[in-house]
Amino acid sequence: WVRNLNGVFTYVKQFGDHSINATLGTERQQRQLKATALGAENITSADQRIGEPNLDDVFVFVSRNFPEFRIQSYFGRANYAYKDKYLLGVSFRTDGASVFGEEERWGSFPAISAGWIISEENFASGLDAFNLLKLRASFGRTGNADIPDVLQDSYVNWPAYGSGGGFILNGLGVPDITWENINSFDAAVDFGLFENRISGSIGYYQQNITDMLLQVPIPQSQGVLFGPSSVWTNFGELRNRGIELQISSVNIDRGNFTWRTDFNITTNQNEVIRLDESLTDNVSGIINGQTITQADGQLGAFFMPLYAGIDPATGYEMIYEVDQQRFQETGETVLTGNIVTATNANVATNRYIHEDKNGLPTFFGGISNTVSYKDISLSVQFTYQGGNYLFDGSEAARVVPNGINALSADYIGNYWTETNTTAKYPRPSIDGLTREGQQLSSGHSRYLYKADLLRLNFVQLSYNLPVSKLGINGVVKSARVYLNAMNLATFTPFPGLDPEVANFDSNRQNRNLRQGFIGSVPFPQVQTVTGGVTLKF
């Protein structure tokens, strides 16, 4: 169940050239989840394979009450303006979350912003080209408490002791865990030129995330039998920064003909500034599957062997060997110069840090154009993103035959044989095994692709009907017919179905550190064409 309660008081005052808008408020959120399951051992049935009735059947009741989540908030903010050209805003809120201990429960989050509309100043009268010129900047702190209740050790009752129930350690508590803090700064210039024929903004932003909330691995010797092999902790500091640009233009405005363009782009670079000392000491950082996060590196950099081609003698995929001793001592991956077969064992021990490659785009944005002539209008919108990479596990499943997965049509005639030793794809194998019985693996960089894309995302053609000429203006004020098309074309170097994918894993850790993976064939975004009529009475 979920319960929300809030109250807000607002004060607005205008006196002369001054204006004030102030707000005070409080908010309370509560939610709780309960899970129950009923099971039985030695279930009786007429089916002989299940068994006959037995008076000694053991029924086991399994339940779990998740701790109630509560957050209490108090906040206030005030905005002040003088002559509508000097702007100042301040705010403060404090939040207490039940997922933290009494000493760490409350977090304080201030913010301040300021703006100056330069074009309203007398000295700006000489800036004839500018209709608007505004400087603005802000700094603020927000908090993150999106974690489960991990203050105390957790237990679950489960039929793990013979035929009886019992309590088993399900997770280790972290009583000193605290808020994750996001300190954000941005500064920008807003502008309008030539009677607003050109307008937009350009700005810089930076986020410093301290006391990051993520999970770190724990050894099996800690005794967690059923539950995560990791614990939540505040483990380091991350920085995101970039530039935001938005421009709108009226390219042509001549009577019945107009052409308008809107363009925007955002860049982002992330860097792990610091990790917890325990992670720095082991030099490898946080390894999450085929990604690695280290201090002074990117968040979730790909961590997989470098592909070395197909062995012309055996037909198996090959990878470059990594100096393991160097990695264990320094956390760096250095190639030895040797090449080995891409077996499970070799792939696990020869992973390479792709420092400049992860699954997060480094830029994204869009551009749209609208052209109108009299009552006809055409709008075309493109979206784009890039700088990120994708590991296409679905392709590996289609071109590495193991007797189970469906094969790509391109595999036929293009795989290794004794007479085709320079083939595009490796040789077929039974159950994915070498002739020596070793399990093969495709978890290497052959299937790691650049995922830049430009997508024709939206097209609309519309026509405003002349209601007066149709003789219906007495009933209908306006009428418009339109035809929309979405996702018409995608231009990308990625060979798979769709490079615009995201990991929505229920595991918070995976959502943060394992972006950029395609495990099975994803359902691509569909192309949609719709039409309709809009009437206004």
Protein backbone atom coordinates (compact mmCIF):
# COMPACT_ATOMS: atom_id res chain seq x y z
CA TRP A 1 0.00 0.00 0.00
CA VAL A 2 1.01 3.65 -0.62
CA ARG A 3 0.00 6.77 1.29
CA ASN A 4 0.89 10.42 0.49
CA LEU A 5 0.08 13.51 2.56
CA ASN A 6 1.16 17.08 1.79
CA GLY A 7 0.37 20.66 2.69
CA VAL A 8 1.51 23.88 0.99
CA PHE A 9 1.28 27.57 1.93
CA THR A 10 1.94 30.19 -0.78
CA TYR A 11 2.51 33.94 -0.41
CA VAL A 12 2.51 36.33 -3.40
CA LYS A 13 3.21 40.07 -3.08
CA GLN A 14 3.76 42.83 -5.63
CA PHE A 15 4.90 46.27 -4.42
CA GLY A 16 6.24 48.81 -6.86
CA ASP A 17 9.04 47.33 -8.93
CA HIS A 18 9.42 44.40 -6.54
CA SER A 19 7.65 41.04 -6.54
CA ILE A 20 7.92 38.10 -4.15
CA ASN A 21 6.55 34.59 -4.46
CA ALA A 22 7.19 32.36 -1.43
CA THR A 23 6.12 28.84 -0.53
CA LEU A 24 6.31 26.73 2.63
CA GLY A 25 5.27 23.11 2.74
CA THR A 26 5.56 19.64 4.15
CA GLU A 27 5.10 16.20 2.64
CA ARG A 28 4.94 12.67 3.97
CA GLN A 29 5.16 9.45 1.96
CA GLN A 30 4.63 5.90 3.21
CA ARG A 31 4.58 2.56 1.45
CA GLN A 32 4.85 -1.09 2.42
CA LEU A 33 5.06 -4.37 0.54
CA LYS A 34 4.14 -7.84 1.82
CA ALA A 35 4.79 -11.15 0.06
CA THR A 36 3.36 -14.55 0.98
CA ALA A 37 3.72 -18.02 -0.54
CA LEU A 38 2.35 -21.41 0.53
CA GLY A 39 4.18 -24.56 -0.46
CA ALA A 40 4.08 -28.27 0.30
CA GLU A 41 6.49 -31.16 0.11
CA ASN A 42 5.48 -34.71 -0.95
CA ILE A 43 2.40 -33.43 -2.79
CA THR A 44 -0.15 -36.20 -3.19
CA SER A 45 -1.70 -37.07 -6.52
CA ALA A 46 -3.23 -39.91 -8.47
CA ASP A 47 -0.22 -39.60 -10.76
CA GLN A 48 2.22 -42.31 -9.64
CA ARG A 49 5.18 -40.18 -10.60
CA ILE A 50 4.16 -37.65 -7.93
CA GLY A 51 3.16 -40.00 -5.15
CA GLU A 52 0.38 -41.40 -2.98
CA PRO A 53 -1.24 -39.63 -0.01
CA ASN A 54 1.06 -39.50 2.98
CA LEU A 55 0.09 -38.40 6.48
CA ASP A 56 3.62 -37.14 6.99
CA ASP A 57 3.40 -34.53 4.23
CA VAL A 58 5.10 -31.31 5.28
CA PHE A 59 3.49 -27.99 4.44
CA VAL A 60 5.70 -24.93 4.53
CA PHE A 61 4.46 -21.37 4.82
CA VAL A 62 6.93 -18.84 3.37
CA SER A 63 6.35 -15.14 3.97
CA ARG A 64 8.18 -11.87 4.01
CA ASN A 65 7.18 -8.44 5.22
CA PHE A 66 9.31 -5.81 3.58
CA PRO A 67 10.10 -2.91 5.91
CA GLU A 68 7.80 0.06 5.66
CA PHE A 69 9.34 2.96 3.73
CA ARG A 70 8.69 6.44 5.11
CA ILE A 71 10.00 9.83 4.09
CA GLN A 72 9.13 13.10 5.83
CA SER A 73 9.94 16.39 4.09
CA TYR A 74 9.86 20.08 4.97
CA PHE A 75 10.58 22.66 2.29
CA GLY A 76 10.48 26.33 1.47
CA ARG A 77 11.32 28.49 -1.50
CA ALA A 78 11.20 32.16 -2.43
CA ASN A 79 11.52 33.94 -5.77
CA TYR A 80 12.28 37.65 -5.96
CA ALA A 81 12.25 39.95 -9.00
CA TYR A 82 13.15 43.62 -9.33
CA LYS A 83 11.79 45.39 -12.40
CA ASP A 84 11.49 41.92 -13.96
CA LYS A 85 15.16 42.05 -14.95
CA TYR A 86 16.97 41.08 -11.74
CA LEU A 87 15.87 37.64 -10.61
CA LEU A 88 16.81 35.69 -7.50
CA GLY A 89 15.51 32.37 -6.20
CA VAL A 90 16.39 30.43 -3.05
CA SER A 91 15.06 27.17 -1.68
CA PHE A 92 15.76 24.76 1.11
CA ARG A 93 14.37 21.37 1.99
CA THR A 94 15.18 18.73 4.52
CA ASP A 95 14.15 15.11 4.12
CA GLY A 96 14.20 12.23 6.54
CA ALA A 97 14.11 8.70 5.09
CA SER A 98 13.49 5.52 7.03
CA VAL A 99 16.04 3.56 4.97
CA PHE A 100 18.81 5.35 6.87
CA GLY A 101 19.76 5.08 10.55
CA GLU A 102 18.88 7.70 13.14
CA GLU A 103 22.27 9.42 12.86
CA GLU A 104 22.14 9.62 9.06
CA ARG A 105 18.40 9.88 8.46
CA TRP A 106 18.05 13.56 7.63
CA GLY A 107 19.52 15.28 4.60
CA SER A 108 19.61 19.00 3.86
CA PHE A 109 19.26 20.26 0.28
CA PRO A 110 19.69 23.99 -0.44
CA ALA A 111 19.53 25.70 -3.83
CA ILE A 112 20.02 29.19 -5.24
CA SER A 113 19.49 30.68 -8.69
CA ALA A 114 19.97 34.11 -10.23
CA GLY A 115 19.15 35.77 -13.52
CA TRP A 116 19.92 39.07 -15.20
CA ILE A 117 18.04 40.27 -18.28
CA ILE A 118 20.73 42.44 -19.82
CA SER A 119 18.57 43.50 -22.75
CA GLU A 120 16.32 45.44 -20.33
CA GLU A 121 19.19 47.70 -19.24
CA ASN A 122 19.53 51.22 -20.62
CA PHE A 123 23.09 50.62 -21.72
CA ALA A 124 21.86 47.72 -23.88
CA SER A 125 19.92 50.06 -26.15
CA GLY A 126 22.84 49.94 -28.54
CA LEU A 127 22.45 46.20 -28.96
CA ASP A 128 19.89 46.59 -31.71
CA ALA A 129 20.15 43.02 -32.88
CA PHE A 130 19.09 41.60 -29.49
CA ASN A 131 15.46 41.30 -28.45
CA LEU A 132 16.55 39.22 -25.46
CA LEU A 133 19.88 38.74 -23.74
CA LYS A 134 19.75 37.01 -20.38
CA LEU A 135 22.37 35.48 -18.07
CA ARG A 136 21.30 32.83 -15.59
CA ALA A 137 23.02 30.46 -13.20
CA SER A 138 22.02 28.09 -10.43
CA PHE A 139 23.47 25.76 -7.86
CA GLY A 140 21.57 23.19 -5.87
CA ARG A 141 21.78 19.92 -4.02
CA THR A 142 19.35 17.03 -4.25
CA GLY A 143 19.36 13.67 -2.53
CA ASN A 144 18.82 10.05 -3.46
CA ALA A 145 17.40 7.47 -1.07
CA ASP A 146 16.26 4.92 -3.67
CA ILE A 147 17.54 1.80 -1.95
CA PRO A 148 15.89 -1.03 -0.03
CA ASP A 149 15.94 -1.05 3.77
CA VAL A 150 19.41 -2.38 4.54
CA LEU A 151 19.97 -1.09 8.07
CA GLN A 152 19.77 -4.51 9.71
CA ASP A 153 20.53 -8.09 8.77
CA SER A 154 17.53 -9.66 7.03
CA TYR A 155 16.27 -13.23 7.28
CA VAL A 156 13.80 -15.41 5.44
CA ASN A 157 12.12 -18.62 6.57
CA TRP A 158 12.66 -21.38 4.05
CA PRO A 159 12.54 -25.20 4.00
CA ALA A 160 16.30 -25.54 4.02
CA TYR A 161 16.81 -27.71 7.09
CA GLY A 162 15.70 -31.17 6.05
CA SER A 163 11.91 -31.29 6.00
CA GLY A 164 11.44 -28.39 8.40
CA GLY A 165 11.48 -24.65 8.14
CA GLY A 166 13.91 -22.21 9.64
CA PHE A 167 15.42 -18.75 9.39
CA ILE A 168 18.26 -18.10 6.97
CA LEU A 169 20.44 -15.01 6.62
CA ASN A 170 19.14 -13.17 3.55
CA GLY A 171 21.21 -9.98 3.60
CA LEU A 172 23.78 -8.08 5.64
CA GLY A 173 22.78 -4.80 7.25
CA VAL A 174 24.66 -1.51 6.76
CA PRO A 175 23.70 0.73 9.71
CA ASP A 176 25.93 3.69 8.73
CA ILE A 177 24.67 4.14 5.17
CA THR A 178 23.55 7.68 4.29
CA TRP A 179 22.11 9.92 1.56
CA GLU A 180 23.59 10.12 -1.91
CA ASN A 181 24.08 13.82 -2.70
CA ILE A 182 23.87 15.35 -6.18
CA ASN A 183 25.41 18.83 -6.36
CA SER A 184 24.38 20.51 -9.60
CA PHE A 185 25.63 23.72 -11.19
CA ASP A 186 24.61 25.29 -14.47
CA ALA A 187 25.13 28.60 -16.22
CA ALA A 188 23.56 29.71 -19.48
CA VAL A 189 22.86 32.57 -21.86
CA ASP A 190 19.38 32.97 -23.35
CA PHE A 191 19.11 35.12 -26.47
CA GLY A 192 16.74 36.40 -29.13
CA LEU A 193 18.04 38.09 -32.28
CA PHE A 194 16.56 40.05 -35.18
CA GLU A 195 13.00 40.31 -33.89
CA ASN A 196 13.37 36.76 -32.56
CA ARG A 197 14.06 35.33 -35.98
CA ILE A 198 16.85 33.48 -34.14
CA SER A 199 16.45 32.52 -30.48
CA GLY A 200 17.80 29.93 -28.10
CA SER A 201 20.21 29.27 -25.27
CA ILE A 202 23.66 27.86 -24.67
CA GLY A 203 24.78 26.60 -21.29
CA TYR A 204 27.20 24.50 -19.30
CA TYR A 205 26.26 22.08 -16.54
CA GLN A 206 28.13 19.96 -14.03
CA GLN A 207 26.91 17.39 -11.53
CA ASN A 208 29.09 16.09 -8.72
CA ILE A 209 27.53 13.02 -7.13
CA THR A 210 29.03 12.22 -3.73
CA ASP A 211 28.43 9.25 -1.42
CA MET A 212 27.11 7.25 -4.38
CA LEU A 213 24.72 4.47 -3.43
CA LEU A 214 25.74 1.23 -5.13
CA GLN A 215 26.41 -2.36 -4.20
CA VAL A 216 29.84 -3.82 -3.56
CA PRO A 217 30.54 -7.58 -3.59
CA ILE A 218 31.00 -9.61 -0.41
CA PRO A 219 32.67 -13.04 -0.06
CA GLN A 220 30.59 -16.20 0.42
CA SER A 221 32.22 -16.60 3.81
CA GLN A 222 29.85 -13.91 5.10
CA GLY A 223 27.17 -16.59 5.23
CA VAL A 224 24.46 -15.19 2.92
CA LEU A 225 22.95 -18.37 1.48
CA PHE A 226 19.78 -17.00 -0.13
CA GLY A 227 20.13 -13.37 -1.11
CA PRO A 228 22.44 -10.91 -2.82
CA SER A 229 26.20 -11.51 -2.80
CA SER A 230 26.73 -7.78 -2.26
CA VAL A 231 25.88 -4.98 0.18
CA TRP A 232 24.72 -1.41 -0.34
CA THR A 233 27.18 1.30 0.63
CA ASN A 234 28.27 4.87 -0.06
CA PHE A 235 31.26 4.12 -2.18
CA GLY A 236 32.54 7.09 -4.14
CA GLU A 237 32.12 10.21 -6.24
CA LEU A 238 31.03 10.67 -9.87
CA ARG A 239 31.09 13.76 -12.09
CA ASN A 240 28.86 14.46 -15.10
CA ARG A 241 29.38 17.57 -17.19
CA GLY A 242 28.51 18.88 -20.60
CA ILE A 243 27.05 21.59 -22.82
CA GLU A 244 23.43 22.21 -23.77
CA LEU A 245 22.55 24.14 -26.92
CA GLN A 246 19.10 25.00 -28.24
CA ILE A 247 18.41 27.17 -31.28
CA SER A 248 15.15 28.09 -33.01
CA SER A 249 15.06 30.04 -36.24
CA VAL A 250 12.52 31.46 -38.64
CA ASN A 251 14.37 30.86 -41.89
CA ILE A 252 11.71 32.22 -44.23
CA ASP A 253 8.58 34.25 -43.45
CA ARG A 254 7.10 35.63 -46.65
CA GLY A 255 3.38 36.02 -46.66
CA ASN A 256 1.85 32.61 -47.19
CA PHE A 257 5.18 30.75 -46.93
CA THR A 258 7.12 30.06 -43.70
CA TRP A 259 9.98 27.76 -42.75
CA ARG A 260 11.00 27.21 -39.12
CA THR A 261 13.80 25.12 -37.65
CA ASP A 262 14.43 23.89 -34.10
CA PHE A 263 17.71 22.28 -33.09
CA ASN A 264 19.06 21.02 -29.78
CA ILE A 265 22.06 19.05 -28.59
CA THR A 266 23.30 17.92 -25.16
CA THR A 267 26.74 16.50 -24.47
CA ASN A 268 27.72 14.48 -21.42
CA GLN A 269 31.00 13.18 -20.11
CA ASN A 270 31.11 11.09 -16.93
CA GLU A 271 34.13 10.35 -14.79
CA VAL A 272 34.49 8.37 -11.58
CA ILE A 273 36.43 10.75 -9.33
CA ARG A 274 36.82 8.51 -6.31
CA LEU A 275 35.91 5.06 -5.03
CA ASP A 276 35.72 3.70 -1.52
CA GLU A 277 39.13 2.83 -0.09
CA SER A 278 38.26 -0.87 0.01
CA LEU A 279 37.66 -0.80 -3.75
CA THR A 280 40.74 1.32 -4.43
CA ASP A 281 42.90 -1.10 -2.48
CA ASN A 282 41.89 -4.08 -4.62
CA VAL A 283 42.77 -1.97 -7.76
CA SER A 284 40.12 -3.67 -9.93
CA GLY A 285 37.25 -1.44 -8.76
CA ILE A 286 33.70 -2.71 -9.31
CA ILE A 287 33.31 -5.53 -11.82
CA ASN A 288 29.73 -6.05 -12.91
CA GLY A 289 29.55 -8.84 -15.48
CA GLN A 290 31.28 -7.50 -18.59
CA THR A 291 31.72 -3.94 -17.30
CA ILE A 292 34.20 -2.40 -14.89
CA THR A 293 34.11 0.85 -12.92
CA GLN A 294 37.41 2.26 -11.66
CA ALA A 295 38.56 5.57 -10.19
CA ASP A 296 39.54 8.09 -12.91
CA GLY A 297 37.62 6.03 -15.47
CA GLN A 298 34.14 5.93 -16.99
CA LEU A 299 31.07 4.48 -15.36
CA GLY A 300 30.54 0.90 -16.58
CA ALA A 301 33.35 0.67 -19.17
CA PHE A 302 33.18 -2.51 -21.23
CA PHE A 303 35.38 -5.25 -19.79
CA MET A 304 35.78 -8.08 -22.28
CA PRO A 305 38.59 -9.71 -24.31
CA LEU A 306 39.85 -8.15 -27.51
CA TYR A 307 38.84 -10.20 -30.53
CA ALA A 308 41.78 -11.56 -32.57
CA GLY A 309 39.98 -13.14 -35.52
CA ILE A 310 39.30 -16.76 -36.50
CA ASP A 311 42.11 -19.29 -36.21
CA PRO A 312 42.72 -20.43 -39.82
CA ALA A 313 43.96 -23.79 -38.51
CA THR A 314 41.03 -24.71 -36.22
CA GLY A 315 38.15 -22.40 -37.23
CA TYR A 316 37.59 -21.20 -33.64
CA GLU A 317 37.37 -17.55 -32.58
CA MET A 318 40.52 -16.18 -30.94
CA ILE A 319 41.23 -13.46 -28.35
CA TYR A 320 44.32 -11.60 -27.18
CA GLU A 321 45.90 -12.72 -23.92
CA VAL A 322 46.07 -10.24 -21.01
CA ASP A 323 48.88 -10.03 -18.45
CA GLN A 324 46.98 -11.21 -15.37
CA GLN A 325 49.72 -10.42 -12.88
CA ARG A 326 49.86 -6.82 -14.12
CA PHE A 327 46.08 -6.51 -13.76
CA GLN A 328 46.05 -7.90 -10.20
CA GLU A 329 48.86 -5.55 -9.15
CA THR A 330 47.81 -2.33 -10.90
CA GLY A 331 44.26 -2.74 -12.22
CA GLU A 332 45.55 -2.13 -15.77
CA THR A 333 45.06 -4.51 -18.68
CA VAL A 334 48.15 -5.00 -20.84
CA LEU A 335 48.35 -7.47 -23.73
CA THR A 336 51.09 -10.09 -23.71
CA GLY A 337 51.13 -10.45 -27.49
CA ASN A 338 49.84 -14.02 -27.37
CA ILE A 339 46.57 -15.22 -28.91
CA VAL A 340 44.38 -17.92 -27.34
CA THR A 341 41.13 -19.69 -28.22
CA ALA A 342 37.94 -17.96 -27.02
CA THR A 343 36.87 -20.61 -24.52
CA ASN A 344 34.88 -19.84 -21.38
CA ALA A 345 38.00 -20.13 -19.25
CA ASN A 346 40.13 -17.94 -21.49
CA VAL A 347 37.42 -15.29 -21.87
CA ALA A 348 37.02 -15.08 -18.09
CA THR A 349 40.73 -14.60 -17.45
CA ASN A 350 41.68 -12.32 -20.36
CA ARG A 351 39.17 -9.50 -20.10
CA TYR A 352 40.39 -6.14 -21.37
CA ILE A 353 39.32 -2.67 -20.18
CA HIS A 354 37.85 -0.67 -23.07
CA GLU A 355 38.48 2.68 -21.37
CA ASP A 356 36.76 4.82 -24.00
CA LYS A 357 33.75 2.58 -24.56
CA ASN A 358 30.59 2.19 -22.51
CA GLY A 359 26.86 1.99 -23.10
CA LEU A 360 26.02 5.63 -22.26
CA PRO A 361 25.64 8.19 -25.09
CA THR A 362 28.02 11.14 -24.94
CA PHE A 363 25.70 13.35 -27.02
CA PHE A 364 22.05 13.37 -28.06
CA GLY A 365 19.47 15.75 -29.45
CA GLY A 366 17.12 16.47 -32.30
CA ILE A 367 16.32 18.74 -35.23
CA SER A 368 12.92 19.56 -36.68
CA ASN A 369 11.76 21.61 -39.65
CA THR A 370 8.26 22.91 -40.32
CA VAL A 371 7.34 24.30 -43.73
CA SER A 372 3.95 25.90 -44.31
CA TYR A 373 2.33 27.25 -47.45
CA LYS A 374 -1.12 28.74 -47.03
CA ASP A 375 -3.14 25.96 -45.35
CA ILE A 376 -0.69 23.13 -45.99
CA SER A 377 1.98 22.28 -43.43
CA LEU A 378 4.79 19.70 -43.40
CA SER A 379 6.81 18.90 -40.24
CA VAL A 380 9.86 16.62 -40.21
CA GLN A 381 11.72 15.65 -37.03
CA PHE A 382 15.03 13.82 -36.67
CA THR A 383 16.53 12.58 -33.39
CA TYR A 384 20.09 11.44 -32.85
CA GLN A 385 22.53 10.15 -30.26
CA GLY A 386 26.03 8.76 -30.24
CA GLY A 387 29.33 8.15 -28.53
CA ASN A 388 28.08 4.89 -27.00
CA TYR A 389 28.65 1.23 -27.84
CA LEU A 390 26.47 -1.88 -27.81
CA PHE A 391 27.41 -5.50 -27.25
CA ASP A 392 25.06 -7.50 -29.49
CA GLY A 393 24.72 -10.88 -27.82
CA SER A 394 21.80 -11.68 -30.11
CA GLU A 395 24.13 -11.59 -33.14
CA ALA A 396 26.59 -13.90 -31.39
CA ALA A 397 23.76 -16.39 -30.82
CA ARG A 398 22.87 -16.32 -34.53
CA VAL A 399 26.36 -16.78 -35.97
CA VAL A 400 28.02 -19.09 -33.42
CA PRO A 401 26.26 -22.43 -34.05
CA ASN A 402 25.81 -24.67 -31.04
CA GLY A 403 22.96 -26.90 -32.16
CA ILE A 404 20.36 -24.87 -30.24
CA ASN A 405 20.00 -21.30 -31.57
CA ALA A 406 18.54 -20.36 -34.93
CA LEU A 407 21.25 -19.32 -37.38
CA SER A 408 21.53 -16.17 -39.46
CA ALA A 409 21.00 -16.74 -43.20
CA ASP A 410 24.33 -15.02 -43.76
CA TYR A 411 26.08 -17.84 -41.92
CA ILE A 412 25.32 -20.32 -44.68
CA GLY A 413 28.32 -20.59 -46.97
CA ASN A 414 30.35 -18.09 -44.93
CA TYR A 415 31.65 -20.28 -42.10
CA TRP A 416 35.08 -21.83 -41.66
CA THR A 417 35.94 -25.08 -43.38
CA GLU A 418 39.25 -26.68 -44.23
CA THR A 419 38.88 -25.21 -47.72
CA ASN A 420 37.60 -21.81 -46.52
CA THR A 421 40.06 -20.80 -43.81
CA THR A 422 39.48 -17.04 -44.22
CA ALA A 423 35.74 -17.29 -43.61
CA LYS A 424 33.65 -14.59 -41.97
CA TYR A 425 32.23 -16.86 -39.27
CA PRO A 426 33.66 -19.65 -37.05
CA ARG A 427 33.18 -23.34 -37.70
CA PRO A 428 30.06 -25.19 -36.51
CA SER A 429 30.43 -27.04 -33.22
CA ILE A 430 28.32 -29.52 -31.29
CA ASP A 431 26.95 -27.97 -28.09
CA GLY A 432 29.41 -25.09 -28.48
CA LEU A 433 32.41 -27.29 -27.64
CA THR A 434 35.85 -27.54 -29.14
CA ARG A 435 37.07 -30.96 -30.27
CA GLU A 436 38.94 -31.13 -26.97
CA GLY A 437 35.65 -30.67 -25.07
CA GLN A 438 36.20 -27.05 -23.97
CA GLN A 439 33.18 -24.72 -23.90
CA LEU A 440 33.46 -21.87 -26.41
CA SER A 441 32.42 -18.29 -25.58
CA SER A 442 31.41 -15.31 -27.71
CA GLY A 443 31.75 -12.78 -24.89
CA HIS A 444 34.45 -10.73 -26.61
CA SER A 445 34.75 -7.51 -28.58
CA ARG A 446 33.87 -8.96 -32.00
CA TYR A 447 30.22 -8.20 -31.18
CA LEU A 448 30.90 -4.75 -29.69
CA TYR A 449 29.64 -2.04 -32.06
CA LYS A 450 29.46 1.71 -32.21
CA ALA A 451 25.80 2.66 -31.72
CA ASP A 452 25.52 6.18 -33.19
CA LEU A 453 22.16 6.77 -34.82
CA LEU A 454 20.16 9.32 -36.77
CA ARG A 455 16.45 8.55 -36.84
CA LEU A 456 13.70 10.03 -38.96
CA ASN A 457 11.42 10.01 -35.97
CA PHE A 458 8.32 11.92 -37.02
CA VAL A 459 6.71 13.32 -40.18
CA GLN A 460 3.38 15.12 -40.31
CA LEU A 461 1.51 16.46 -43.32
CA SER A 462 -1.61 18.50 -42.55
CA TYR A 463 -4.18 20.66 -44.32
CA ASN A 464 -6.54 23.21 -42.82
CA LEU A 465 -9.86 22.83 -44.59
CA PRO A 466 -11.60 26.04 -45.79
CA VAL A 467 -14.72 25.66 -43.65
CA SER A 468 -16.31 28.81 -45.10
CA LYS A 469 -15.97 27.54 -48.65
CA LEU A 470 -17.37 24.19 -47.60
CA GLY A 471 -20.38 25.95 -46.10
CA ILE A 472 -19.93 24.46 -42.63
CA ASN A 473 -18.53 27.51 -40.83
CA GLY A 474 -21.83 27.96 -39.03
CA VAL A 475 -21.26 24.66 -37.23
CA VAL A 476 -17.52 24.06 -37.38
CA LYS A 477 -15.02 26.80 -36.45
CA SER A 478 -12.05 24.99 -37.95
CA ALA A 479 -11.23 21.64 -39.53
CA ARG A 480 -7.89 19.97 -40.13
CA VAL A 481 -6.89 16.70 -41.75
CA TYR A 482 -3.51 15.18 -41.08
CA LEU A 483 -1.27 12.19 -41.79
CA ASN A 484 1.43 11.17 -39.30
CA ALA A 485 4.31 8.74 -39.76
CA MET A 486 6.69 7.66 -36.99
CA ASN A 487 10.05 5.86 -37.07
CA LEU A 488 10.37 5.89 -40.85
CA ALA A 489 14.12 5.33 -41.13
CA THR A 490 17.24 4.83 -39.00
CA PHE A 491 20.80 5.51 -40.14
CA THR A 492 23.45 3.79 -38.02
CA PRO A 493 26.68 1.77 -38.26
CA PHE A 494 25.15 -0.74 -35.84
CA PRO A 495 24.33 -3.93 -37.80
CA GLY A 496 21.54 -5.11 -35.49
CA LEU A 497 17.84 -4.31 -35.54
CA ASP A 498 17.75 -1.20 -33.35
CA PRO A 499 20.60 0.60 -31.54
CA GLU A 500 18.26 2.64 -29.33
CA VAL A 501 17.97 0.26 -26.38
CA ALA A 502 18.23 0.65 -22.61
CA ASN A 503 18.62 -1.71 -19.68
CA PHE A 504 15.54 -1.50 -17.42
CA ASP A 505 16.76 -4.28 -15.15
CA SER A 506 14.95 -4.41 -11.81
CA ASN A 507 18.40 -4.59 -10.22
CA ARG A 508 19.48 -1.00 -9.53
CA GLN A 509 23.14 -1.91 -9.85
CA ASN A 510 22.68 -3.35 -13.32
CA ARG A 511 20.69 -0.32 -14.46
CA ASN A 512 23.63 1.90 -13.53
CA LEU A 513 26.58 -0.24 -14.60
CA ARG A 514 25.32 -2.57 -17.34
CA GLN A 515 23.95 -0.32 -20.06
CA GLY A 516 24.80 -1.26 -23.63
CA PHE A 517 23.98 -4.98 -23.75
CA ILE A 518 21.56 -6.82 -26.01
CA GLY A 519 21.01 -10.35 -24.72
CA SER A 520 18.23 -11.65 -26.94
CA VAL A 521 16.76 -10.34 -30.17
CA PRO A 522 15.02 -7.10 -29.14
CA PHE A 523 11.66 -6.14 -30.54
CA PRO A 524 12.46 -3.10 -32.72
CA GLN A 525 10.51 0.12 -32.59
CA VAL A 526 7.58 -0.20 -34.95
CA GLN A 527 6.83 2.05 -37.89
CA THR A 528 3.47 3.72 -37.41
CA VAL A 529 1.31 5.62 -39.88
CA THR A 530 -1.88 7.31 -38.65
CA GLY A 531 -4.34 9.75 -40.11
CA GLY A 532 -7.25 11.72 -38.82
CA VAL A 533 -9.46 14.77 -38.78
CA THR A 534 -9.56 17.46 -36.08
CA LEU A 535 -12.73 19.51 -35.76
CA LYS A 536 -13.27 22.51 -33.51
CA PHE A 537 -16.87 23.51 -32.82
